[in-house]
Amino acid sequence: MGCCVSTSNEDTTFDHVVSLQKLQSLPNRICSNGKSRSSCIFTQQGRKGINQDAMIVWEDFMSEDVVFCGVFDGHGPHGHLVARKVRDALPIKLLSFLDSRRNGSGKACFKRDIKDESGEVEKDLSAEDEVNSMWREAFMKSYKAMDKELKSHANLDCFCSGSTAVSVVKQGLNLFMGNIGDSRAVMGSKDSNDLMVAIQLTVDLKPDLPREAERIKRCKGRVFALQDEPEVPRVWLPFDDAPGLAMARAFGDFCLKEYGVISIPEFSHRLLTDKDQFIVLASDGVWDVLSNEEVVEIVSSAPSRSSAARVLVESAAREWKLKYPTSKMDDCAVVCLFLDGKMDLESDCDEQCYSSATFQSNNHSGNSVESGDGQKSEPSLQRNFTVRTSKQNETCVGGRGESVDVEDGTSSAEDQNWLGLEGVTRVNSLVQLPRFSEERPNF
């Protein structure tokens, strides 16, 4: 199957990318609860204050066969504004960079596993590598430009506020992914027995990952956990016990950018197969209480595709109540992208039930709503593990994670240990801290 980055003059998407003011008029772009031709999205406010999660699906992103989707989880005093700014501006920056590359180099295509008449597999690896390199460069430069814009923004204070970003571009059978922070992408796929399995596509970039911790310490930042959160490592300034950021990469958070926190995304590319069914992007409010397998099961068994994101968020809300009744539920945002490009046909009654069920669920919970294949090389985290049960606190869960080389953005797999926190909701950035003992674990 070939992958083509078209430079046809008939592509008109770039003509719309003029200013943020025109975003709302762009066709096939949704960023509030609802559905599109091939996806559904849903967010629900937690109990920590304003909803700081944002999400987007943009179909016909570059051409008819390209979809951009992303989830952004803000933190800090202005995290909700940062997340929304990134949601609106990051896709445009990606478009602009790709547009400039296309105008400069013309049409770039590659073939992958094409059989000739004799049945032999032909590969044009050099062309494939060229396109893969182009996409990686596009993600790297777009993320860099996004962080630069936030730093120079006159009306948005990002010194102690920031956002995660997990973004996916689907072009034909190709997935291009960029990720910073601890939002996550998981794919539902069928194995050789036609059973649904969960494949983790991104890694939660926490400060305790060896390569992340090494970089932070090399830049004079500190990584340690508070006594009342012994299993939530945070990033601290070298000279002050602040701000306590619970992730190693983020947009914003400029108080820590000189001390090892970066906005360079972990980039990866994956070729889809006919076994792959859907992709779920979600903020950590979902992964804190549901495993990858549980998420895939909930989405695949939802009454309808268009309700899958809502059903998943409602399931997460119930799990928060059942598992951690004394904790404050985190914000949840979900994007479900169905890879066959189809959505089920629903009646008007179904749509009304969608809204009705949403409001009933929120009224009951007190929360408001804001507008696979099992390969060993895949990461296999079961939950975000910032919140755990007492039994789980007895052991540390192992997983396989990828870490990116800061210099060139390439990924490698290595074993990681993932720890958790029982009984409280993690705050991603403490900013101002209560006094605590000077005794700290050695890292």
Protein backbone atom coordinates (compact mmCIF):
# COMPACT_ATOMS: atom_id res chain seq x y z
CA MET A 1 0.00 0.00 0.00
CA GLY A 2 1.41 3.35 -0.94
CA CYS A 3 1.47 6.53 1.08
CA CYS A 4 1.30 9.80 -0.80
CA VAL A 5 1.73 13.34 0.44
CA SER A 6 -0.17 15.07 -2.30
CA THR A 7 0.67 18.53 -3.54
CA SER A 8 -2.37 18.88 -5.74
CA ASN A 9 -3.62 22.41 -6.25
CA GLU A 10 -7.08 21.05 -5.59
CA ASP A 11 -6.28 20.71 -1.88
CA THR A 12 -7.99 23.68 -0.30
CA THR A 13 -7.48 22.95 3.40
CA PHE A 14 -4.45 25.23 3.56
CA ASP A 15 -6.46 28.11 2.16
CA HIS A 16 -8.48 28.07 5.38
CA VAL A 17 -5.44 28.15 7.62
CA VAL A 18 -5.11 31.89 7.88
CA SER A 19 -5.96 32.76 11.46
CA LEU A 20 -7.33 31.19 14.61
CA GLN A 21 -10.50 33.25 14.18
CA LYS A 22 -11.48 31.12 11.19
CA LEU A 23 -11.11 27.79 12.95
CA GLN A 24 -14.74 27.51 13.94
CA SER A 25 -15.80 27.80 10.30
CA LEU A 26 -13.50 25.05 9.09
CA PRO A 27 -15.37 21.99 7.84
CA ASN A 28 -14.94 18.58 9.44
CA ARG A 29 -13.30 19.92 12.60
CA ILE A 30 -14.83 19.19 16.01
CA CYS A 31 -13.51 20.09 19.44
CA SER A 32 -16.55 19.67 21.70
CA ASN A 33 -18.70 16.70 22.65
CA GLY A 34 -20.03 15.09 19.50
CA LYS A 35 -19.14 12.97 16.49
CA SER A 36 -17.79 13.20 12.97
CA ARG A 37 -17.73 10.84 10.00
CA SER A 38 -15.22 8.51 11.61
CA SER A 39 -14.90 9.54 15.26
CA CYS A 40 -16.59 10.60 18.45
CA ILE A 41 -15.21 12.78 21.24
CA PHE A 42 -16.33 13.51 24.79
CA THR A 43 -15.03 15.35 27.84
CA GLN A 44 -16.34 15.67 31.39
CA GLN A 45 -15.20 17.97 34.14
CA GLY A 46 -13.81 16.39 37.28
CA ARG A 47 -14.05 17.74 40.82
CA LYS A 48 -10.84 19.74 40.96
CA GLY A 49 -12.21 22.90 39.35
CA ILE A 50 -12.52 24.06 35.76
CA ASN A 51 -12.12 21.41 33.07
CA GLN A 52 -8.53 21.69 31.88
CA ASP A 53 -8.79 19.01 29.19
CA ALA A 54 -9.16 19.79 25.49
CA MET A 55 -9.57 17.57 22.42
CA ILE A 56 -9.92 17.76 18.66
CA VAL A 57 -10.66 15.71 15.57
CA TRP A 58 -9.97 17.36 12.20
CA GLU A 59 -10.97 15.29 9.19
CA ASP A 60 -9.76 16.16 5.67
CA PHE A 61 -6.78 17.62 7.49
CA MET A 62 -4.49 17.81 4.45
CA SER A 63 -6.53 15.87 1.97
CA GLU A 64 -9.55 13.61 2.04
CA ASP A 65 -7.71 10.62 3.51
CA VAL A 66 -5.96 12.48 6.36
CA VAL A 67 -7.29 12.88 9.92
CA PHE A 68 -5.68 14.78 12.79
CA CYS A 69 -6.77 14.05 16.34
CA GLY A 70 -5.39 15.05 19.71
CA VAL A 71 -6.00 15.25 23.47
CA PHE A 72 -4.45 17.97 25.63
CA ASP A 73 -4.48 17.97 29.44
CA GLY A 74 -3.70 21.31 31.03
CA HIS A 75 -2.24 21.87 34.49
CA GLY A 76 -1.38 24.84 36.68
CA PRO A 77 -3.36 28.03 37.25
CA HIS A 78 -3.90 28.67 33.53
CA GLY A 79 -3.73 25.10 32.29
CA HIS A 80 -7.17 25.19 30.70
CA LEU A 81 -6.13 28.15 28.55
CA VAL A 82 -2.86 26.49 27.55
CA ALA A 83 -4.62 23.26 26.56
CA ARG A 84 -7.14 25.11 24.39
CA LYS A 85 -4.44 27.24 22.81
CA VAL A 86 -2.44 24.15 21.89
CA ARG A 87 -5.57 22.42 20.59
CA ASP A 88 -6.20 25.31 18.21
CA ALA A 89 -2.68 26.25 17.18
CA LEU A 90 -0.70 23.00 17.03
CA PRO A 91 -2.57 21.49 14.04
CA ILE A 92 -2.14 24.73 12.11
CA LYS A 93 1.59 24.74 12.76
CA LEU A 94 1.80 21.15 11.56
CA LEU A 95 -0.14 22.08 8.43
CA SER A 96 2.04 25.10 7.76
CA PHE A 97 5.25 23.14 8.03
CA LEU A 98 3.98 20.35 5.80
CA ASP A 99 2.71 22.91 3.30
CA SER A 100 6.12 24.55 3.09
CA ARG A 101 7.80 21.16 2.64
CA ARG A 102 5.35 20.12 -0.04
CA ASN A 103 5.80 23.34 -1.97
CA GLY A 104 9.54 22.91 -1.79
CA SER A 105 9.90 19.24 -2.65
CA GLY A 106 6.77 18.44 -4.67
CA LYS A 107 5.02 15.14 -4.31
CA ALA A 108 6.47 12.63 -1.87
CA CYS A 109 5.29 9.02 -1.98
CA PHE A 110 6.45 5.69 -0.72
CA LYS A 111 5.44 2.09 -1.18
CA ARG A 112 5.21 -0.49 1.52
CA ASP A 113 4.96 -4.24 0.94
CA ILE A 114 3.77 -4.06 -2.68
CA LYS A 115 3.66 -7.44 -4.43
CA ASP A 116 4.70 -7.74 -8.06
CA GLU A 117 3.36 -10.28 -10.55
CA SER A 118 5.65 -13.01 -9.21
CA GLY A 119 4.42 -12.49 -5.68
CA GLU A 120 7.69 -10.99 -4.51
CA VAL A 121 7.47 -8.10 -2.08
CA GLU A 122 8.90 -4.84 -3.34
CA LYS A 123 9.93 -2.06 -1.01
CA ASP A 124 11.02 1.47 -1.64
CA LEU A 125 12.62 1.99 1.73
CA SER A 126 14.49 5.14 0.79
CA ALA A 127 11.28 6.89 -0.21
CA GLU A 128 9.54 5.53 2.88
CA ASP A 129 12.34 6.76 5.10
CA GLU A 130 12.16 10.15 3.40
CA VAL A 131 8.46 10.57 4.13
CA ASN A 132 8.85 9.23 7.66
CA SER A 133 11.66 11.71 8.20
CA MET A 134 9.51 14.50 6.84
CA TRP A 135 6.69 13.71 9.26
CA ARG A 136 9.09 13.41 12.18
CA GLU A 137 10.60 16.76 11.34
CA ALA A 138 7.11 18.24 11.00
CA PHE A 139 6.13 17.07 14.48
CA MET A 140 9.41 18.21 16.02
CA LYS A 141 9.31 21.68 14.50
CA SER A 142 5.59 22.13 15.13
CA TYR A 143 5.94 21.29 18.81
CA LYS A 144 8.95 23.57 19.08
CA ALA A 145 7.09 26.45 17.40
CA MET A 146 4.08 25.85 19.65
CA ASP A 147 6.16 26.15 22.80
CA LYS A 148 7.90 29.24 21.44
CA GLU A 149 4.54 30.88 20.78
CA LEU A 150 3.35 30.11 24.30
CA LYS A 151 6.50 31.65 25.76
CA SER A 152 6.02 34.89 23.85
CA HIS A 153 2.24 35.08 24.33
CA ALA A 154 1.44 38.44 25.87
CA ASN A 155 -1.84 37.47 27.53
CA LEU A 156 -1.17 33.91 28.65
CA ASP A 157 1.07 33.24 31.63
CA CYS A 158 2.70 29.84 31.08
CA PHE A 159 5.47 30.19 33.63
CA CYS A 160 3.91 27.63 35.98
CA SER A 161 1.13 26.38 33.68
CA GLY A 162 1.28 23.95 30.81
CA SER A 163 -0.30 21.07 28.94
CA THR A 164 0.30 17.56 27.71
CA ALA A 165 -0.27 16.70 24.06
CA VAL A 166 -0.89 13.36 22.40
CA SER A 167 -1.54 13.88 18.70
CA VAL A 168 -2.09 11.39 15.89
CA VAL A 169 -2.25 11.90 12.14
CA LYS A 170 -3.81 9.07 10.15
CA GLN A 171 -2.97 9.18 6.45
CA GLY A 172 -4.28 6.17 4.62
CA LEU A 173 -2.78 3.16 6.39
CA ASN A 174 -0.12 5.21 8.14
CA LEU A 175 -0.17 6.56 11.68
CA PHE A 176 2.18 9.36 12.66
CA MET A 177 2.22 10.16 16.38
CA GLY A 178 3.74 12.81 18.61
CA ASN A 179 3.48 12.78 22.39
CA ILE A 180 4.57 14.81 25.42
CA GLY A 181 3.29 14.35 28.96
CA ASP A 182 1.10 11.55 30.27
CA SER A 183 -1.94 11.52 28.01
CA ARG A 184 -2.02 8.25 26.10
CA ALA A 185 -2.98 6.61 22.80
CA VAL A 186 -4.12 2.98 22.66
CA MET A 187 -5.31 0.94 19.69
CA GLY A 188 -7.92 -1.80 19.64
CA SER A 189 -6.92 -4.59 17.28
CA LYS A 190 -7.81 -8.22 16.63
CA ASP A 191 -5.32 -11.02 17.17
CA SER A 192 -4.92 -14.23 15.18
CA ASN A 193 -7.92 -15.70 17.00
CA ASP A 194 -10.07 -12.70 16.08
CA LEU A 195 -10.11 -11.56 19.72
CA MET A 196 -9.83 -7.88 20.58
CA VAL A 197 -6.54 -6.86 22.15
CA ALA A 198 -5.11 -3.53 23.34
CA ILE A 199 -1.92 -2.12 21.83
CA GLN A 200 -0.38 0.87 23.57
CA LEU A 201 0.89 3.38 21.03
CA THR A 202 2.52 5.98 23.30
CA VAL A 203 4.40 6.02 26.59
CA ASP A 204 3.50 8.17 29.60
CA LEU A 205 6.55 10.41 29.91
CA LYS A 206 6.98 10.55 33.69
CA PRO A 207 9.97 12.01 35.57
CA ASP A 208 10.97 8.57 36.91
CA LEU A 209 11.70 7.12 33.47
CA PRO A 210 15.49 6.62 33.50
CA ARG A 211 16.27 8.69 30.42
CA GLU A 212 13.92 11.46 31.51
CA ALA A 213 15.35 11.56 35.04
CA GLU A 214 18.90 11.54 33.69
CA ARG A 215 18.23 14.52 31.45
CA ILE A 216 16.51 16.49 34.21
CA LYS A 217 19.32 15.89 36.70
CA ARG A 218 21.92 16.72 34.05
CA CYS A 219 20.20 20.10 33.71
CA LYS A 220 20.31 20.62 37.49
CA GLY A 221 16.63 19.90 38.02
CA ARG A 222 15.59 17.59 40.86
CA VAL A 223 13.30 14.55 40.82
CA PHE A 224 11.73 13.28 44.02
CA ALA A 225 8.34 12.54 45.56
CA LEU A 226 6.64 14.18 48.52
CA GLN A 227 6.21 12.19 51.70
CA ASP A 228 2.44 12.12 51.36
CA GLU A 229 2.78 11.08 47.68
CA PRO A 230 5.68 8.64 47.90
CA GLU A 231 5.04 7.11 44.50
CA VAL A 232 4.45 10.24 42.43
CA PRO A 233 7.85 11.55 41.33
CA ARG A 234 7.89 15.24 40.47
CA VAL A 235 10.26 17.74 38.91
CA TRP A 236 11.57 20.54 41.13
CA LEU A 237 13.71 23.60 40.71
CA PRO A 238 17.33 23.22 41.90
CA PHE A 239 16.97 25.98 44.47
CA ASP A 240 13.34 25.72 45.60
CA ASP A 241 10.74 23.06 46.34
CA ALA A 242 8.55 24.17 43.45
CA PRO A 243 6.66 23.67 41.18
CA GLY A 244 6.48 19.87 41.52
CA LEU A 245 5.57 18.91 37.95
CA ALA A 246 4.43 15.29 37.63
CA MET A 247 5.66 14.83 34.05
CA ALA A 248 8.97 15.17 32.25
CA ARG A 249 7.73 16.86 29.05
CA ALA A 250 5.08 19.49 28.54
CA PHE A 251 4.12 22.62 26.68
CA GLY A 252 4.60 25.69 28.86
CA ASP A 253 6.00 25.27 32.39
CA PHE A 254 8.80 27.68 31.49
CA CYS A 255 10.04 27.83 35.07
CA LEU A 256 11.42 24.32 34.44
CA LYS A 257 12.54 24.55 30.81
CA GLU A 258 16.13 25.35 31.81
CA TYR A 259 16.15 22.42 34.22
CA GLY A 260 15.35 19.44 32.01
CA VAL A 261 11.63 19.64 31.20
CA ILE A 262 11.29 19.75 27.43
CA SER A 263 8.57 20.03 24.77
CA ILE A 264 10.30 17.73 22.26
CA PRO A 265 7.76 15.05 21.35
CA GLU A 266 8.32 11.34 21.21
CA PHE A 267 7.58 10.59 17.56
CA SER A 268 6.59 7.23 16.12
CA HIS A 269 5.18 5.80 12.91
CA ARG A 270 3.02 2.72 12.53
CA LEU A 271 1.57 0.96 9.51
CA LEU A 272 -2.03 -0.15 10.04
CA THR A 273 -3.39 -3.56 9.09
CA ASP A 274 -6.89 -4.85 8.50
CA LYS A 275 -6.82 -6.21 12.05
CA ASP A 276 -6.67 -2.73 13.55
CA GLN A 277 -10.11 -1.43 14.54
CA PHE A 278 -9.91 1.90 16.40
CA ILE A 279 -7.67 4.28 18.32
CA VAL A 280 -8.45 5.82 21.70
CA LEU A 281 -6.75 9.01 22.86
CA ALA A 282 -7.46 9.98 26.46
CA SER A 283 -6.19 12.12 29.32
CA ASP A 284 -4.88 10.55 32.51
CA GLY A 285 -8.26 10.90 34.21
CA VAL A 286 -9.23 7.80 32.23
CA TRP A 287 -5.97 5.86 32.52
CA ASP A 288 -5.79 6.42 36.29
CA VAL A 289 -8.74 4.09 36.81
CA LEU A 290 -9.02 1.94 33.68
CA SER A 291 -6.46 -0.36 32.08
CA ASN A 292 -5.71 -0.43 28.37
CA GLU A 293 -7.65 -3.67 28.06
CA GLU A 294 -10.65 -2.29 29.91
CA VAL A 295 -10.73 0.78 27.68
CA VAL A 296 -10.61 -1.30 24.51
CA GLU A 297 -13.33 -3.59 25.82
CA ILE A 298 -15.61 -0.66 26.73
CA VAL A 299 -15.20 1.01 23.36
CA SER A 300 -15.65 -2.19 21.35
CA SER A 301 -18.82 -3.12 23.28
CA ALA A 302 -20.42 0.35 23.30
CA PRO A 303 -24.06 0.41 22.13
CA SER A 304 -23.03 2.49 19.13
CA ARG A 305 -19.82 3.90 17.76
CA SER A 306 -21.03 7.47 18.17
CA SER A 307 -21.56 6.90 21.90
CA ALA A 308 -18.25 5.13 22.56
CA ALA A 309 -16.36 8.16 23.90
CA ARG A 310 -19.22 9.13 26.20
CA VAL A 311 -19.64 5.58 27.47
CA LEU A 312 -15.92 5.39 28.20
CA VAL A 313 -15.91 8.65 30.17
CA GLU A 314 -18.97 7.56 32.14
CA SER A 315 -17.27 4.24 32.89
CA ALA A 316 -14.21 6.09 34.17
CA ALA A 317 -16.42 8.29 36.35
CA ARG A 318 -18.03 5.22 37.90
CA GLU A 319 -14.64 3.67 38.55
CA TRP A 320 -13.48 6.79 40.34
CA LYS A 321 -16.50 6.54 42.65
CA LEU A 322 -16.16 2.82 43.26
CA LYS A 323 -12.40 2.58 43.71
CA TYR A 324 -11.61 5.94 45.27
CA PRO A 325 -14.78 7.34 46.90
CA THR A 326 -12.78 9.87 48.95
CA SER A 327 -10.78 11.12 45.98
CA LYS A 328 -11.54 13.97 43.65
CA MET A 329 -12.22 12.71 40.16
CA ASP A 330 -9.90 14.12 37.50
CA ASP A 331 -11.08 15.67 34.24
CA CYS A 332 -11.56 13.14 31.46
CA ALA A 333 -11.28 13.67 27.70
CA VAL A 334 -11.59 10.94 25.08
CA VAL A 335 -11.22 10.72 21.31
CA CYS A 336 -12.29 7.50 19.58
CA LEU A 337 -11.16 7.24 15.95
CA PHE A 338 -12.55 4.29 13.99
CA LEU A 339 -10.03 3.18 11.41
CA ASP A 340 -12.47 1.95 8.78
CA GLY A 341 -13.79 5.51 8.52
CA LYS A 342 -17.36 4.51 9.27
CA MET A 343 -19.86 5.49 11.92
CA ASP A 344 -23.16 3.78 12.66
CA LEU A 345 -26.42 5.33 11.52
CA GLU A 346 -28.49 6.58 14.40
CA SER A 347 -31.98 8.00 14.59
CA ASP A 348 -32.85 11.38 16.02
CA CYS A 349 -34.04 9.55 19.12
CA ASP A 350 -30.58 8.10 19.61
CA GLU A 351 -29.06 11.56 19.42
CA GLN A 352 -31.57 12.86 21.98
CA CYS A 353 -30.77 9.93 24.25
CA TYR A 354 -27.09 10.88 23.91
CA SER A 355 -27.71 14.34 25.33
CA SER A 356 -30.24 13.13 27.89
CA ALA A 357 -27.96 10.43 29.22
CA THR A 358 -25.12 12.91 29.40
CA PHE A 359 -27.00 15.38 31.55
CA GLN A 360 -28.50 12.67 33.73
CA SER A 361 -25.07 11.22 34.35
CA ASN A 362 -23.60 14.60 35.20
CA ASN A 363 -26.44 15.55 37.50
CA HIS A 364 -26.09 12.28 39.31
CA SER A 365 -22.36 12.58 39.73
CA GLY A 366 -22.22 16.29 40.39
CA ASN A 367 -19.87 16.85 37.49
CA SER A 368 -20.46 19.31 34.68
CA VAL A 369 -19.77 18.84 30.99
CA GLU A 370 -17.68 21.23 28.96
CA SER A 371 -18.15 22.55 25.48
CA GLY A 372 -3.18 -5.43 20.29
CA ASP A 373 -1.68 -7.78 18.33
CA GLY A 374 0.10 -8.60 21.60
CA GLN A 375 3.63 -8.06 20.28
CA LYS A 376 6.22 -7.99 23.03
CA SER A 377 7.77 -4.87 21.60
CA GLU A 378 4.66 -2.88 22.43
CA PRO A 379 4.41 -0.95 25.73
CA SER A 380 2.09 -2.78 28.09
CA LEU A 381 1.19 -0.46 30.93
CA GLN A 382 -1.99 -1.56 32.60
CA ARG A 383 -2.97 1.74 34.20
CA ASN A 384 -1.48 5.15 34.69
CA PHE A 385 -0.85 4.02 38.30
CA THR A 386 -1.05 7.41 39.91
CA VAL A 387 -3.90 5.92 41.94
CA ARG A 388 -3.87 2.34 43.15
CA THR A 389 -5.56 -0.06 45.52
CA SER A 390 -3.93 -1.24 48.71
CA LYS A 391 -3.07 -4.63 47.24
CA GLN A 392 -1.39 -3.03 44.27
CA ASN A 393 0.75 -0.92 46.58
CA GLU A 394 2.47 -4.11 47.72
CA THR A 395 4.18 -4.57 44.37
CA CYS A 396 5.50 -2.46 41.54
CA VAL A 397 4.03 -3.08 38.13
CA GLY A 398 6.53 -3.58 35.32
CA GLY A 399 6.04 -2.50 31.74
CA ARG A 400 7.90 -1.79 28.59
CA GLY A 401 8.24 1.79 27.52
CA GLU A 402 9.81 3.75 24.73
CA SER A 403 12.02 6.74 25.32
CA VAL A 404 13.02 9.23 22.68
CA ASP A 405 16.48 10.47 21.91
CA VAL A 406 16.36 14.20 22.55
CA GLU A 407 18.79 14.88 19.75
CA ASP A 408 17.03 13.14 16.89
CA GLY A 409 13.65 12.06 18.24
CA THR A 410 14.14 8.35 17.60
CA SER A 411 12.64 5.84 20.01
CA SER A 412 13.99 2.79 21.73
CA ALA A 413 12.31 0.25 24.01
CA GLU A 414 13.51 -0.35 27.55
CA ASP A 415 12.12 -1.81 30.75
CA GLN A 416 10.52 0.67 33.10
CA ASN A 417 9.04 0.46 36.58
CA TRP A 418 5.77 2.28 37.13
CA LEU A 419 4.69 3.32 40.58
CA GLY A 420 1.43 4.70 41.94
CA LEU A 421 -0.44 6.63 44.57
CA GLU A 422 -3.30 5.43 46.71
CA GLY A 423 -6.35 7.32 47.83
CA VAL A 424 -5.82 10.82 46.43
CA THR A 425 -6.01 12.54 43.09
CA ARG A 426 -2.69 13.59 41.70
CA VAL A 427 -2.22 17.26 40.89
CA ASN A 428 0.09 17.59 37.92
CA SER A 429 1.68 20.79 39.15
CA LEU A 430 1.65 21.87 42.79
CA VAL A 431 3.15 25.30 42.09
CA GLN A 432 3.00 26.34 45.75
CA LEU A 433 3.78 23.63 48.25
CA PRO A 434 2.98 23.01 51.90
CA ARG A 435 5.96 22.63 54.18
CA PHE A 436 7.27 19.12 54.50
CA SER A 437 10.18 17.23 56.03
CA GLU A 438 13.60 17.68 54.50
CA GLU A 439 14.05 13.91 54.34
CA ARG A 440 13.77 12.76 50.74
CA PRO A 441 14.40 9.52 48.90
CA ASN A 442 17.68 9.29 47.06
CA PHE A 443 17.39 9.25 43.28
